[in-house]
Amino acid sequence: MKSEPRTVLGRISWAKNHMVDPQEYYLRRRSQQRAHRAHLQGYQAELRKNNALDFDDLLLEAVRLLKVSSEARERYHAAIATCWWTSTRTPTARSTN
């Protein structure tokens, strides 16, 4: 069964957005999605070969890092708190009317 690239990329993106890794995705849908497994494995292999991440991977890796690294969580929290504090302390422009 031949699939359109847009369909395959859509399924890859859906799985990544739901934080479902390729093996888990195809174990869940093995009977109906066998043809797409090769596409996904090839796509991921090409990304690894080029030391690259797609947009979905960037989001997933950020979430994984924040889940496993308390240091990363603390640094991110501190950076956000600093941005919030700075933005709430900056005077707003006043109307001259």
PDB file of N, CA and C in Angstrom:
ATOM      1  N   MET A   1       0.841  -1.177   0.000  1.00  0.00           N
ATOM      2  CA  MET A   1       0.000   0.000   0.000  1.00  0.00           C
ATOM      3  C   MET A   1       0.886   1.240   0.000  1.00  0.00           C
ATOM      4  N   LYS A   2       0.759   2.058  -1.024  1.00  0.00           N
ATOM      5  CA  LYS A   2       1.566   3.266  -1.148  1.00  0.00           C
ATOM      6  C   LYS A   2       0.859   4.425  -0.462  1.00  0.00           C
ATOM      7  N   SER A   3       1.618   5.205   0.294  1.00  0.00           N
ATOM      8  CA  SER A   3       1.052   6.330   1.028  1.00  0.00           C
ATOM      9  C   SER A   3       1.613   7.639   0.512  1.00  0.00           C
ATOM     10  N   GLU A   4       0.801   8.652   0.610  1.00  0.00           N
ATOM     11  CA  GLU A   4       1.241   9.996   0.262  1.00  0.00           C
ATOM     12  C   GLU A   4       2.216  10.489   1.336  1.00  0.00           C
ATOM     13  N   PRO A   5       3.280  11.194   0.946  1.00  0.00           N
ATOM     14  CA  PRO A   5       4.230  11.715   1.946  1.00  0.00           C
ATOM     15  C   PRO A   5       3.543  12.578   3.003  1.00  0.00           C
ATOM     16  N   ARG A   6       2.586  13.377   2.593  1.00  0.00           N
ATOM     17  CA  ARG A   6       1.882  14.250   3.544  1.00  0.00           C
ATOM     18  C   ARG A   6       1.180  13.408   4.622  1.00  0.00           C
ATOM     19  N   THR A   7       0.594  12.284   4.206  1.00  0.00           N
ATOM     20  CA  THR A   7      -0.087  11.399   5.151  1.00  0.00           C
ATOM     21  C   THR A   7       0.902  10.804   6.140  1.00  0.00           C
ATOM     22  N   VAL A   8       2.013  10.337   5.622  1.00  0.00           N
ATOM     23  CA  VAL A   8       3.037   9.729   6.486  1.00  0.00           C
ATOM     24  C   VAL A   8       3.580  10.765   7.464  1.00  0.00           C
ATOM     25  N   LEU A   9       3.927  11.948   6.976  1.00  0.00           N
ATOM     26  CA  LEU A   9       4.451  12.991   7.862  1.00  0.00           C
ATOM     27  C   LEU A   9       3.409  13.416   8.886  1.00  0.00           C
ATOM     28  N   GLY A  10       2.160  13.426   8.489  1.00  0.00           N
ATOM     29  CA  GLY A  10       1.085  13.749   9.426  1.00  0.00           C
ATOM     30  C   GLY A  10       1.001  12.743  10.555  1.00  0.00           C
ATOM     31  N   ARG A  11       1.138  11.475  10.227  1.00  0.00           N
ATOM     32  CA  ARG A  11       1.105  10.425  11.256  1.00  0.00           C
ATOM     33  C   ARG A  11       2.325  10.510  12.172  1.00  0.00           C
ATOM     34  N   ILE A  12       3.482  10.797  11.582  1.00  0.00           N
ATOM     35  CA  ILE A  12       4.698  10.965  12.380  1.00  0.00           C
ATOM     36  C   ILE A  12       4.503  12.125  13.356  1.00  0.00           C
ATOM     37  N   SER A  13       4.007  13.228  12.846  1.00  0.00           N
ATOM     38  CA  SER A  13       3.800  14.410  13.679  1.00  0.00           C
ATOM     39  C   SER A  13       2.782  14.129  14.780  1.00  0.00           C
ATOM     40  N   TRP A  14       1.690  13.443  14.442  1.00  0.00           N
ATOM     41  CA  TRP A  14       0.677  13.121  15.443  1.00  0.00           C
ATOM     42  C   TRP A  14       1.303  12.313  16.583  1.00  0.00           C
ATOM     43  N   ALA A  15       2.058  11.297  16.224  1.00  0.00           N
ATOM     44  CA  ALA A  15       2.664  10.439  17.242  1.00  0.00           C
ATOM     45  C   ALA A  15       3.613  11.243  18.135  1.00  0.00           C
ATOM     46  N   LYS A  16       4.420  12.084  17.529  1.00  0.00           N
ATOM     47  CA  LYS A  16       5.365  12.877  18.311  1.00  0.00           C
ATOM     48  C   LYS A  16       4.637  13.876  19.202  1.00  0.00           C
ATOM     49  N   ASN A  17       3.587  14.505  18.686  1.00  0.00           N
ATOM     50  CA  ASN A  17       2.827  15.466  19.484  1.00  0.00           C
ATOM     51  C   ASN A  17       2.134  14.818  20.667  1.00  0.00           C
ATOM     52  N   HIS A  18       1.861  13.531  20.558  1.00  0.00           N
ATOM     53  CA  HIS A  18       1.249  12.795  21.658  1.00  0.00           C
ATOM     54  C   HIS A  18       2.294  12.033  22.477  1.00  0.00           C
ATOM     55  N   MET A  19       3.555  12.353  22.226  1.00  0.00           N
ATOM     56  CA  MET A  19       4.694  11.764  22.933  1.00  0.00           C
ATOM     57  C   MET A  19       4.677  10.241  22.870  1.00  0.00           C
ATOM     58  N   VAL A  20       4.329   9.735  21.707  1.00  0.00           N
ATOM     59  CA  VAL A  20       4.322   8.297  21.476  1.00  0.00           C
ATOM     60  C   VAL A  20       5.534   7.987  20.617  1.00  0.00           C
ATOM     61  N   ASP A  21       6.440   7.159  21.136  1.00  0.00           N
ATOM     62  CA  ASP A  21       7.626   6.846  20.337  1.00  0.00           C
ATOM     63  C   ASP A  21       7.252   5.881  19.210  1.00  0.00           C
ATOM     64  N   PRO A  22       8.092   5.785  18.188  1.00  0.00           N
ATOM     65  CA  PRO A  22       7.743   4.981  17.004  1.00  0.00           C
ATOM     66  C   PRO A  22       7.374   3.536  17.311  1.00  0.00           C
ATOM     67  N   GLN A  23       8.109   2.888  18.196  1.00  0.00           N
ATOM     68  CA  GLN A  23       7.801   1.489  18.497  1.00  0.00           C
ATOM     69  C   GLN A  23       6.435   1.357  19.150  1.00  0.00           C
ATOM     70  N   GLU A  24       6.152   2.224  20.098  1.00  0.00           N
ATOM     71  CA  GLU A  24       4.863   2.165  20.789  1.00  0.00           C
ATOM     72  C   GLU A  24       3.716   2.438  19.819  1.00  0.00           C
ATOM     73  N   TYR A  25       3.901   3.412  18.938  1.00  0.00           N
ATOM     74  CA  TYR A  25       2.865   3.747  17.962  1.00  0.00           C
ATOM     75  C   TYR A  25       2.522   2.545  17.095  1.00  0.00           C
ATOM     76  N   TYR A  26       3.530   1.872  16.599  1.00  0.00           N
ATOM     77  CA  TYR A  26       3.270   0.752  15.704  1.00  0.00           C
ATOM     78  C   TYR A  26       2.857  -0.516  16.424  1.00  0.00           C
ATOM     79  N   LEU A  27       3.211  -0.646  17.694  1.00  0.00           N
ATOM     80  CA  LEU A  27       2.680  -1.774  18.461  1.00  0.00           C
ATOM     81  C   LEU A  27       1.175  -1.599  18.677  1.00  0.00           C
ATOM     82  N   ARG A  28       0.762  -0.361  18.906  1.00  0.00           N
ATOM     83  CA  ARG A  28      -0.661  -0.076  19.097  1.00  0.00           C
ATOM     84  C   ARG A  28      -1.467  -0.329  17.826  1.00  0.00           C
ATOM     85  N   ARG A  29      -0.882   0.017  16.682  1.00  0.00           N
ATOM     86  CA  ARG A  29      -1.630  -0.025  15.429  1.00  0.00           C
ATOM     87  C   ARG A  29      -0.989  -0.960  14.417  1.00  0.00           C
ATOM     88  N   ARG A  30      -0.360  -2.004  14.896  1.00  0.00           N
ATOM     89  CA  ARG A  30       0.425  -2.896  14.055  1.00  0.00           C
ATOM     90  C   ARG A  30      -0.324  -3.396  12.830  1.00  0.00           C
ATOM     91  N   SER A  31      -1.511  -3.879  13.006  1.00  0.00           N
ATOM     92  CA  SER A  31      -2.206  -4.517  11.890  1.00  0.00           C
ATOM     93  C   SER A  31      -2.511  -3.545  10.758  1.00  0.00           C
ATOM     94  N   GLN A  32      -2.881  -2.333  11.065  1.00  0.00           N
ATOM     95  CA  GLN A  32      -3.269  -1.411  10.007  1.00  0.00           C
ATOM     96  C   GLN A  32      -2.169  -0.454   9.565  1.00  0.00           C
ATOM     97  N   GLN A  33      -1.055  -0.423  10.271  1.00  0.00           N
ATOM     98  CA  GLN A  33      -0.039   0.587   9.968  1.00  0.00           C
ATOM     99  C   GLN A  33       1.317   0.012   9.589  1.00  0.00           C
ATOM    100  N   ARG A  34       1.395  -1.247   9.254  1.00  0.00           N
ATOM    101  CA  ARG A  34       2.691  -1.859   8.919  1.00  0.00           C
ATOM    102  C   ARG A  34       3.453  -1.105   7.842  1.00  0.00           C
ATOM    103  N   ALA A  35       2.744  -0.656   6.845  1.00  0.00           N
ATOM    104  CA  ALA A  35       3.402   0.016   5.721  1.00  0.00           C
ATOM    105  C   ALA A  35       4.086   1.301   6.156  1.00  0.00           C
ATOM    106  N   HIS A  36       3.557   1.959   7.172  1.00  0.00           N
ATOM    107  CA  HIS A  36       4.119   3.245   7.594  1.00  0.00           C
ATOM    108  C   HIS A  36       5.336   3.095   8.504  1.00  0.00           C
ATOM    109  N   ARG A  37       5.498   1.927   9.073  1.00  0.00           N
ATOM    110  CA  ARG A  37       6.634   1.708   9.974  1.00  0.00           C
ATOM    111  C   ARG A  37       7.964   1.955   9.264  1.00  0.00           C
ATOM    112  N   ALA A  38       8.088   1.437   8.071  1.00  0.00           N
ATOM    113  CA  ALA A  38       9.328   1.613   7.310  1.00  0.00           C
ATOM    114  C   ALA A  38       9.575   3.090   7.014  1.00  0.00           C
ATOM    115  N   HIS A  39       8.496   3.812   6.709  1.00  0.00           N
ATOM    116  CA  HIS A  39       8.645   5.252   6.445  1.00  0.00           C
ATOM    117  C   HIS A  39       9.167   5.982   7.676  1.00  0.00           C
ATOM    118  N   LEU A  40       8.558   5.688   8.811  1.00  0.00           N
ATOM    119  CA  LEU A  40       8.963   6.366  10.039  1.00  0.00           C
ATOM    120  C   LEU A  40      10.388   6.006  10.428  1.00  0.00           C
ATOM    121  N   GLN A  41      10.727   4.733  10.333  1.00  0.00           N
ATOM    122  CA  GLN A  41      12.086   4.320  10.686  1.00  0.00           C
ATOM    123  C   GLN A  41      13.104   4.961   9.751  1.00  0.00           C
ATOM    124  N   GLY A  42      12.791   5.030   8.473  1.00  0.00           N
ATOM    125  CA  GLY A  42      13.688   5.671   7.525  1.00  0.00           C
ATOM    126  C   GLY A  42      13.829   7.163   7.796  1.00  0.00           C
ATOM    127  N   TYR A  43      12.712   7.800   8.105  1.00  0.00           N
ATOM    128  CA  TYR A  43      12.704   9.233   8.415  1.00  0.00           C
ATOM    129  C   TYR A  43      13.562   9.521   9.646  1.00  0.00           C
ATOM    130  N   GLN A  44      13.353   8.742  10.710  1.00  0.00           N
ATOM    131  CA  GLN A  44      14.134   8.943  11.934  1.00  0.00           C
ATOM    132  C   GLN A  44      15.615   8.628  11.703  1.00  0.00           C
ATOM    133  N   ALA A  45      15.902   7.611  10.916  1.00  0.00           N
ATOM    134  CA  ALA A  45      17.296   7.264  10.622  1.00  0.00           C
ATOM    135  C   ALA A  45      17.986   8.397   9.866  1.00  0.00           C
ATOM    136  N   GLU A  46      17.271   9.001   8.924  1.00  0.00           N
ATOM    137  CA  GLU A  46      17.832  10.124   8.159  1.00  0.00           C
ATOM    138  C   GLU A  46      18.102  11.306   9.080  1.00  0.00           C
ATOM    139  N   LEU A  47      17.183  11.577   9.989  1.00  0.00           N
ATOM    140  CA  LEU A  47      17.404  12.667  10.945  1.00  0.00           C
ATOM    141  C   LEU A  47      18.646  12.391  11.792  1.00  0.00           C
ATOM    142  N   ARG A  48      18.750  11.163  12.328  1.00  0.00           N
ATOM    143  CA  ARG A  48      19.923  10.806  13.155  1.00  0.00           C
ATOM    144  C   ARG A  48      21.218  10.924  12.359  1.00  0.00           C
ATOM    145  N   LYS A  49      21.192  10.424  11.115  1.00  0.00           N
ATOM    146  CA  LYS A  49      22.383  10.459  10.265  1.00  0.00           C
ATOM    147  C   LYS A  49      22.870  11.893  10.071  1.00  0.00           C
ATOM    148  N   ASN A  50      21.939  12.822   9.969  1.00  0.00           N
ATOM    149  CA  ASN A  50      22.278  14.223   9.769  1.00  0.00           C
ATOM    150  C   ASN A  50      22.363  15.015  11.072  1.00  0.00           C
ATOM    151  N   ASN A  51      22.307  14.271  12.197  1.00  0.00           N
ATOM    152  CA  ASN A  51      22.371  14.918  13.502  1.00  0.00           C
ATOM    153  C   ASN A  51      21.339  16.046  13.588  1.00  0.00           C
ATOM    154  N   ALA A  52      20.107  15.727  13.183  1.00  0.00           N
ATOM    155  CA  ALA A  52      19.064  16.734  13.075  1.00  0.00           C
ATOM    156  C   ALA A  52      17.837  16.346  13.886  1.00  0.00           C
ATOM    157  N   LEU A  53      17.029  17.341  14.187  1.00  0.00           N
ATOM    158  CA  LEU A  53      15.734  17.157  14.815  1.00  0.00           C
ATOM    159  C   LEU A  53      14.705  17.913  13.991  1.00  0.00           C
ATOM    160  N   ASP A  54      13.514  17.364  13.879  1.00  0.00           N
ATOM    161  CA  ASP A  54      12.458  18.144  13.257  1.00  0.00           C
ATOM    162  C   ASP A  54      11.764  18.937  14.366  1.00  0.00           C
ATOM    163  N   PHE A  55      10.804  19.768  13.992  1.00  0.00           N
ATOM    164  CA  PHE A  55      10.166  20.639  14.984  1.00  0.00           C
ATOM    165  C   PHE A  55       9.527  19.827  16.107  1.00  0.00           C
ATOM    166  N   ASP A  56       8.845  18.747  15.758  1.00  0.00           N
ATOM    167  CA  ASP A  56       8.215  17.907  16.782  1.00  0.00           C
ATOM    168  C   ASP A  56       9.254  17.335  17.738  1.00  0.00           C
ATOM    169  N   ASP A  57      10.405  16.919  17.210  1.00  0.00           N
ATOM    170  CA  ASP A  57      11.472  16.395  18.061  1.00  0.00           C
ATOM    171  C   ASP A  57      12.002  17.466  19.006  1.00  0.00           C
ATOM    172  N   LEU A  58      12.102  18.701  18.526  1.00  0.00           N
ATOM    173  CA  LEU A  58      12.576  19.785  19.394  1.00  0.00           C
ATOM    174  C   LEU A  58      11.654  19.927  20.603  1.00  0.00           C
ATOM    175  N   LEU A  59      10.350  19.880  20.358  1.00  0.00           N
ATOM    176  CA  LEU A  59       9.398  19.982  21.459  1.00  0.00           C
ATOM    177  C   LEU A  59       9.514  18.779  22.397  1.00  0.00           C
ATOM    178  N   LEU A  60       9.595  17.583  21.823  1.00  0.00           N
ATOM    179  CA  LEU A  60       9.703  16.371  22.637  1.00  0.00           C
ATOM    180  C   LEU A  60      10.962  16.365  23.486  1.00  0.00           C
ATOM    181  N   GLU A  61      12.074  16.748  22.906  1.00  0.00           N
ATOM    182  CA  GLU A  61      13.335  16.741  23.645  1.00  0.00           C
ATOM    183  C   GLU A  61      13.316  17.763  24.774  1.00  0.00           C
ATOM    184  N   ALA A  62      12.681  18.907  24.547  1.00  0.00           N
ATOM    185  CA  ALA A  62      12.561  19.905  25.615  1.00  0.00           C
ATOM    186  C   ALA A  62      11.732  19.343  26.765  1.00  0.00           C
ATOM    187  N   VAL A  63      10.628  18.691  26.457  1.00  0.00           N
ATOM    188  CA  VAL A  63       9.779  18.091  27.492  1.00  0.00           C
ATOM    189  C   VAL A  63      10.537  16.996  28.229  1.00  0.00           C
ATOM    190  N   ARG A  64      11.214  16.142  27.498  1.00  0.00           N
ATOM    191  CA  ARG A  64      11.981  15.061  28.143  1.00  0.00           C
ATOM    192  C   ARG A  64      13.064  15.613  29.058  1.00  0.00           C
ATOM    193  N   LEU A  65      13.762  16.646  28.592  1.00  0.00           N
ATOM    194  CA  LEU A  65      14.813  17.251  29.410  1.00  0.00           C
ATOM    195  C   LEU A  65      14.233  17.807  30.701  1.00  0.00           C
ATOM    196  N   LEU A  66      13.113  18.509  30.604  1.00  0.00           N
ATOM    197  CA  LEU A  66      12.505  19.079  31.802  1.00  0.00           C
ATOM    198  C   LEU A  66      11.983  17.992  32.742  1.00  0.00           C
ATOM    199  N   LYS A  67      11.573  16.857  32.200  1.00  0.00           N
ATOM    200  CA  LYS A  67      11.099  15.758  33.043  1.00  0.00           C
ATOM    201  C   LYS A  67      12.236  15.090  33.808  1.00  0.00           C
ATOM    202  N   VAL A  68      13.388  14.938  33.173  1.00  0.00           N
ATOM    203  CA  VAL A  68      14.465  14.151  33.788  1.00  0.00           C
ATOM    204  C   VAL A  68      15.517  14.986  34.511  1.00  0.00           C
ATOM    205  N   SER A  69      15.571  16.281  34.256  1.00  0.00           N
ATOM    206  CA  SER A  69      16.648  17.087  34.830  1.00  0.00           C
ATOM    207  C   SER A  69      16.099  18.169  35.756  1.00  0.00           C
ATOM    208  N   SER A  70      16.303  17.974  37.050  1.00  0.00           N
ATOM    209  CA  SER A  70      15.854  18.996  38.001  1.00  0.00           C
ATOM    210  C   SER A  70      16.645  20.288  37.796  1.00  0.00           C
ATOM    211  N   GLU A  71      17.904  20.170  37.413  1.00  0.00           N
ATOM    212  CA  GLU A  71      18.719  21.371  37.164  1.00  0.00           C
ATOM    213  C   GLU A  71      18.134  22.181  36.004  1.00  0.00           C
ATOM    214  N   ALA A  72      17.744  21.506  34.932  1.00  0.00           N
ATOM    215  CA  ALA A  72      17.149  22.202  33.792  1.00  0.00           C
ATOM    216  C   ALA A  72      15.828  22.857  34.195  1.00  0.00           C
ATOM    217  N   ARG A  73      15.012  22.143  34.974  1.00  0.00           N
ATOM    218  CA  ARG A  73      13.741  22.717  35.434  1.00  0.00           C
ATOM    219  C   ARG A  73      13.973  23.961  36.267  1.00  0.00           C
ATOM    220  N   GLU A  74      14.932  23.896  37.173  1.00  0.00           N
ATOM    221  CA  GLU A  74      15.227  25.042  38.041  1.00  0.00           C
ATOM    222  C   GLU A  74      15.729  26.233  37.233  1.00  0.00           C
ATOM    223  N   ARG A  75      16.622  25.974  36.278  1.00  0.00           N
ATOM    224  CA  ARG A  75      17.151  27.067  35.454  1.00  0.00           C
ATOM    225  C   ARG A  75      16.051  27.698  34.601  1.00  0.00           C
ATOM    226  N   TYR A  76      15.182  26.847  34.020  1.00  0.00           N
ATOM    227  CA  TYR A  76      14.085  27.350  33.199  1.00  0.00           C
ATOM    228  C   TYR A  76      13.116  28.163  34.062  1.00  0.00           C
ATOM    229  N   HIS A  77      12.790  27.644  35.223  1.00  0.00           N
ATOM    230  CA  HIS A  77      11.888  28.342  36.131  1.00  0.00           C
ATOM    231  C   HIS A  77      12.463  29.705  36.525  1.00  0.00           C
ATOM    232  N   ALA A  78      13.756  29.738  36.840  1.00  0.00           N
ATOM    233  CA  ALA A  78      14.407  30.998  37.215  1.00  0.00           C
ATOM    234  C   ALA A  78      14.393  31.991  36.055  1.00  0.00           C
ATOM    235  N   ALA A  79      14.641  31.502  34.843  1.00  0.00           N
ATOM    236  CA  ALA A  79      14.643  32.388  33.672  1.00  0.00           C
ATOM    237  C   ALA A  79      13.252  32.963  33.428  1.00  0.00           C
ATOM    238  N   ILE A  80      12.227  32.126  33.537  1.00  0.00           N
ATOM    239  CA  ILE A  80      10.851  32.596  33.337  1.00  0.00           C
ATOM    240  C   ILE A  80      10.465  33.587  34.423  1.00  0.00           C
ATOM    241  N   ALA A  81      10.826  33.289  35.666  1.00  0.00           N
ATOM    242  CA  ALA A  81      10.511  34.192  36.766  1.00  0.00           C
ATOM    243  C   ALA A  81      11.176  35.544  36.562  1.00  0.00           C
ATOM    244  N   THR A  82      12.415  35.539  36.096  1.00  0.00           N
ATOM    245  CA  THR A  82      13.129  36.789  35.841  1.00  0.00           C
ATOM    246  C   THR A  82      12.449  37.584  34.737  1.00  0.00           C
ATOM    247  N   CYS A  83      12.060  36.909  33.657  1.00  0.00           N
ATOM    248  CA  CYS A  83      11.364  37.592  32.557  1.00  0.00           C
ATOM    249  C   CYS A  83      10.056  38.190  33.038  1.00  0.00           C
ATOM    250  N   TRP A  84       9.296  37.415  33.836  1.00  0.00           N
ATOM    251  CA  TRP A  84       8.022  37.901  34.334  1.00  0.00           C
ATOM    252  C   TRP A  84       8.232  39.103  35.232  1.00  0.00           C
ATOM    253  N   TRP A  85       9.205  39.011  36.137  1.00  0.00           N
ATOM    254  CA  TRP A  85       9.461  40.103  37.071  1.00  0.00           C
ATOM    255  C   TRP A  85       9.861  41.367  36.314  1.00  0.00           C
ATOM    256  N   THR A  86      10.726  41.227  35.337  1.00  0.00           N
ATOM    257  CA  THR A  86      11.176  42.375  34.556  1.00  0.00           C
ATOM    258  C   THR A  86      10.021  42.991  33.781  1.00  0.00           C
ATOM    259  N   SER A  87       9.196  42.168  33.166  1.00  0.00           N
ATOM    260  CA  SER A  87       8.103  42.702  32.347  1.00  0.00           C
ATOM    261  C   SER A  87       7.036  43.373  33.203  1.00  0.00           C
ATOM    262  N   THR A  88       6.837  42.933  34.437  1.00  0.00           N
ATOM    263  CA  THR A  88       5.820  43.570  35.279  1.00  0.00           C
ATOM    264  C   THR A  88       6.348  44.835  35.936  1.00  0.00           C
ATOM    265  N   ARG A  89       7.640  45.024  35.963  1.00  0.00           N
ATOM    266  CA  ARG A  89       8.247  46.209  36.590  1.00  0.00           C
ATOM    267  C   ARG A  89       8.554  47.307  35.586  1.00  0.00           C
ATOM    268  N   THR A  90       8.428  47.017  34.302  1.00  0.00           N
ATOM    269  CA  THR A  90       8.730  48.010  33.277  1.00  0.00           C
ATOM    270  C   THR A  90       7.544  48.949  33.122  1.00  0.00           C
ATOM    271  N   PRO A  91       7.774  50.262  33.238  1.00  0.00           N
ATOM    272  CA  PRO A  91       6.648  51.187  33.097  1.00  0.00           C
ATOM    273  C   PRO A  91       6.040  51.110  31.694  1.00  0.00           C
ATOM    274  N   THR A  92       4.752  51.215  31.612  1.00  0.00           N
ATOM    275  CA  THR A  92       4.086  51.203  30.305  1.00  0.00           C
ATOM    276  C   THR A  92       4.040  52.609  29.749  1.00  0.00           C
ATOM    277  N   ALA A  93       3.928  52.709  28.447  1.00  0.00           N
ATOM    278  CA  ALA A  93       3.859  54.028  27.810  1.00  0.00           C
ATOM    279  C   ALA A  93       2.541  54.683  28.188  1.00  0.00           C
ATOM    280  N   ARG A  94       2.616  55.968  28.456  1.00  0.00           N
ATOM    281  CA  ARG A  94       1.407  56.709  28.856  1.00  0.00           C
ATOM    282  C   ARG A  94       0.912  57.527  27.677  1.00  0.00           C
ATOM    283  N   SER A  95      -0.362  57.622  27.600  1.00  0.00           N
ATOM    284  CA  SER A  95      -0.980  58.400  26.521  1.00  0.00           C
ATOM    285  C   SER A  95      -0.745  59.888  26.780  1.00  0.00           C
ATOM    286  N   THR A  96      -0.451  60.618  25.735  1.00  0.00           N
ATOM    287  CA  THR A  96      -0.201  62.052  25.875  1.00  0.00           C
ATOM    288  C   THR A  96      -1.419  62.878  25.440  1.00  0.00           C
ATOM    289  N   ASN A  97      -2.543  62.202  25.217  1.00  0.00           N
ATOM    290  CA  ASN A  97      -3.751  62.921  24.783  1.00  0.00           C
ATOM    291  C   ASN A  97      -4.377  63.656  25.923  1.00  0.00           C
TER     292      ASN A  97
END
